[in-house]
């Protein structure tokens, strides 16, 4: 069940990034997914935001 939730959150983050088309939207979505996936870990939140920002930047080009 946790794996399904984790995959679903990443899929949602990847879909939000192209729709927002910017680094900020991707970072926000990635930060949320990282926070939820790691149960509030600061490292997970920051890592997710960085990954989401990179994805949002690349897809926004």
N, C-alpha and C. Protein backbone atom coordinates (compact mmCIF):
# COMPACT_ATOMS: atom_id res chain seq x y z
N UNK A 1 0.82 -1.19 0.00
CA UNK A 1 0.00 0.00 0.00
C UNK A 1 0.86 1.26 0.00
N UNK A 2 1.94 1.25 0.79
CA UNK A 2 2.82 2.42 0.82
C UNK A 2 3.50 2.64 -0.53
N UNK A 3 3.84 1.54 -1.18
CA UNK A 3 4.48 1.66 -2.50
C UNK A 3 3.53 2.29 -3.50
N UNK A 4 2.27 1.90 -3.48
CA UNK A 4 1.28 2.47 -4.38
C UNK A 4 1.11 3.97 -4.11
N UNK A 5 1.07 4.35 -2.86
CA UNK A 5 0.94 5.76 -2.51
C UNK A 5 2.16 6.53 -2.98
N UNK A 6 3.34 5.98 -2.79
CA UNK A 6 4.57 6.63 -3.22
C UNK A 6 4.59 6.83 -4.73
N UNK A 7 4.25 5.79 -5.48
CA UNK A 7 4.24 5.88 -6.94
C UNK A 7 3.17 6.87 -7.40
N UNK A 8 2.03 6.87 -6.76
CA UNK A 8 0.96 7.79 -7.13
C UNK A 8 1.37 9.24 -6.90
N UNK A 9 2.06 9.50 -5.80
CA UNK A 9 2.49 10.87 -5.53
C UNK A 9 3.53 11.33 -6.53
N UNK A 10 4.45 10.45 -6.90
CA UNK A 10 5.45 10.83 -7.90
C UNK A 10 4.79 11.06 -9.26
N UNK A 11 3.83 10.23 -9.60
CA UNK A 11 3.12 10.42 -10.87
C UNK A 11 2.38 11.76 -10.87
N UNK A 12 1.76 12.09 -9.77
CA UNK A 12 1.07 13.38 -9.67
C UNK A 12 2.05 14.53 -9.80
N UNK A 13 3.20 14.42 -9.17
CA UNK A 13 4.20 15.49 -9.26
C UNK A 13 4.71 15.65 -10.68
N UNK A 14 4.91 14.54 -11.36
CA UNK A 14 5.38 14.61 -12.73
C UNK A 14 4.33 15.19 -13.67
N UNK A 15 3.07 14.99 -13.35
CA UNK A 15 2.01 15.56 -14.18
C UNK A 15 1.78 17.03 -13.87
N UNK A 16 2.00 17.44 -12.64
CA UNK A 16 1.80 18.83 -12.27
C UNK A 16 2.89 19.71 -12.88
N UNK A 17 4.11 19.22 -12.91
CA UNK A 17 5.23 20.01 -13.43
C UNK A 17 5.00 20.46 -14.88
N UNK A 18 4.61 19.56 -15.80
CA UNK A 18 4.39 20.04 -17.17
C UNK A 18 3.19 20.99 -17.28
N UNK A 19 2.20 20.78 -16.45
CA UNK A 19 1.04 21.66 -16.51
C UNK A 19 1.39 23.06 -16.02
N UNK A 20 2.23 23.16 -15.02
CA UNK A 20 2.62 24.47 -14.53
C UNK A 20 3.71 25.07 -15.41
N UNK A 21 4.54 24.19 -15.97
CA UNK A 21 5.55 24.64 -16.93
C UNK A 21 6.63 25.53 -16.36
N UNK A 22 6.93 25.39 -15.10
CA UNK A 22 7.97 26.26 -14.54
C UNK A 22 8.71 25.55 -13.41
N UNK A 23 9.81 26.14 -13.07
CA UNK A 23 10.64 25.59 -12.01
C UNK A 23 9.94 25.65 -10.66
N UNK A 24 9.26 26.75 -10.40
CA UNK A 24 8.60 26.93 -9.11
C UNK A 24 7.49 25.91 -8.90
N UNK A 25 6.69 25.66 -9.91
CA UNK A 25 5.61 24.67 -9.80
C UNK A 25 6.15 23.27 -9.57
N UNK A 26 7.21 22.93 -10.28
CA UNK A 26 7.83 21.63 -10.10
C UNK A 26 8.46 21.47 -8.73
N UNK A 27 9.07 22.54 -8.24
CA UNK A 27 9.69 22.50 -6.91
C UNK A 27 8.63 22.33 -5.83
N UNK A 28 7.51 23.03 -5.99
CA UNK A 28 6.43 22.92 -5.00
C UNK A 28 5.85 21.51 -4.98
N UNK A 29 5.59 20.97 -6.17
CA UNK A 29 5.04 19.61 -6.25
C UNK A 29 6.04 18.59 -5.72
N UNK A 30 7.31 18.74 -6.10
CA UNK A 30 8.34 17.82 -5.63
C UNK A 30 8.56 17.90 -4.13
N UNK A 31 8.49 19.10 -3.59
CA UNK A 31 8.62 19.27 -2.15
C UNK A 31 7.49 18.59 -1.39
N UNK A 32 6.29 18.72 -1.92
CA UNK A 32 5.15 18.07 -1.29
C UNK A 32 5.29 16.55 -1.33
N UNK A 33 5.65 16.02 -2.50
CA UNK A 33 5.82 14.57 -2.63
C UNK A 33 6.94 14.07 -1.73
N UNK A 34 8.06 14.79 -1.70
CA UNK A 34 9.17 14.41 -0.83
C UNK A 34 8.79 14.43 0.63
N UNK A 35 8.01 15.42 1.02
CA UNK A 35 7.55 15.52 2.42
C UNK A 35 6.65 14.35 2.78
N UNK A 36 5.70 14.06 1.93
CA UNK A 36 4.76 12.97 2.20
C UNK A 36 5.43 11.59 2.12
N UNK A 37 6.32 11.42 1.16
CA UNK A 37 6.96 10.12 0.97
C UNK A 37 7.91 9.76 2.11
N UNK A 38 8.50 10.79 2.73
CA UNK A 38 9.46 10.53 3.81
C UNK A 38 8.89 10.87 5.18
N UNK A 39 7.58 11.05 5.25
CA UNK A 39 6.88 11.32 6.51
C UNK A 39 7.41 12.55 7.23
N UNK A 40 7.61 13.63 6.48
CA UNK A 40 8.00 14.90 7.07
C UNK A 40 9.48 15.13 7.24
N UNK A 41 10.29 14.28 6.65
CA UNK A 41 11.74 14.46 6.76
C UNK A 41 12.16 15.73 6.01
N UNK A 42 13.02 16.53 6.64
CA UNK A 42 13.51 17.75 6.00
C UNK A 42 14.33 17.42 4.76
N UNK A 43 15.16 16.41 4.86
CA UNK A 43 15.99 16.01 3.72
C UNK A 43 15.11 15.54 2.56
N UNK A 44 14.08 14.78 2.86
CA UNK A 44 13.16 14.31 1.81
C UNK A 44 12.42 15.45 1.16
N UNK A 45 12.00 16.43 1.95
CA UNK A 45 11.28 17.59 1.41
C UNK A 45 12.18 18.42 0.50
N UNK A 46 13.38 18.70 0.96
CA UNK A 46 14.32 19.49 0.16
C UNK A 46 14.75 18.72 -1.08
N UNK A 47 15.02 17.43 -0.93
CA UNK A 47 15.39 16.61 -2.08
C UNK A 47 14.29 16.55 -3.12
N UNK A 48 13.06 16.40 -2.66
CA UNK A 48 11.93 16.38 -3.59
C UNK A 48 11.75 17.71 -4.30
N UNK A 49 11.96 18.80 -3.57
CA UNK A 49 11.84 20.13 -4.17
C UNK A 49 12.93 20.35 -5.23
N UNK A 50 14.13 19.90 -4.94
CA UNK A 50 15.21 20.04 -5.91
C UNK A 50 14.92 19.21 -7.17
N UNK A 51 14.52 17.97 -6.96
CA UNK A 51 14.21 17.10 -8.10
C UNK A 51 13.04 17.66 -8.91
N UNK A 52 12.00 18.11 -8.22
CA UNK A 52 10.85 18.69 -8.90
C UNK A 52 11.19 19.97 -9.64
N UNK A 53 12.05 20.78 -9.06
CA UNK A 53 12.49 22.01 -9.72
C UNK A 53 13.27 21.73 -10.99
N UNK A 54 14.11 20.73 -10.95
CA UNK A 54 14.88 20.35 -12.14
C UNK A 54 13.94 19.84 -13.22
N UNK A 55 13.01 18.99 -12.84
CA UNK A 55 12.04 18.46 -13.81
C UNK A 55 11.19 19.59 -14.39
N UNK A 56 10.71 20.48 -13.52
CA UNK A 56 9.91 21.61 -14.00
C UNK A 56 10.68 22.52 -14.93
N UNK A 57 11.94 22.76 -14.63
CA UNK A 57 12.78 23.60 -15.48
C UNK A 57 13.00 22.97 -16.85
N UNK A 58 13.31 21.69 -16.85
CA UNK A 58 13.57 21.01 -18.12
C UNK A 58 12.32 20.89 -18.98
N UNK A 59 11.17 20.63 -18.35
CA UNK A 59 9.94 20.52 -19.11
C UNK A 59 9.39 21.87 -19.56
N UNK A 60 9.79 22.93 -18.86
CA UNK A 60 9.34 24.27 -19.22
C UNK A 60 10.11 24.89 -20.38
N UNK A 61 11.15 24.25 -20.84
CA UNK A 61 11.96 24.80 -21.93
C UNK A 61 11.21 24.74 -23.25
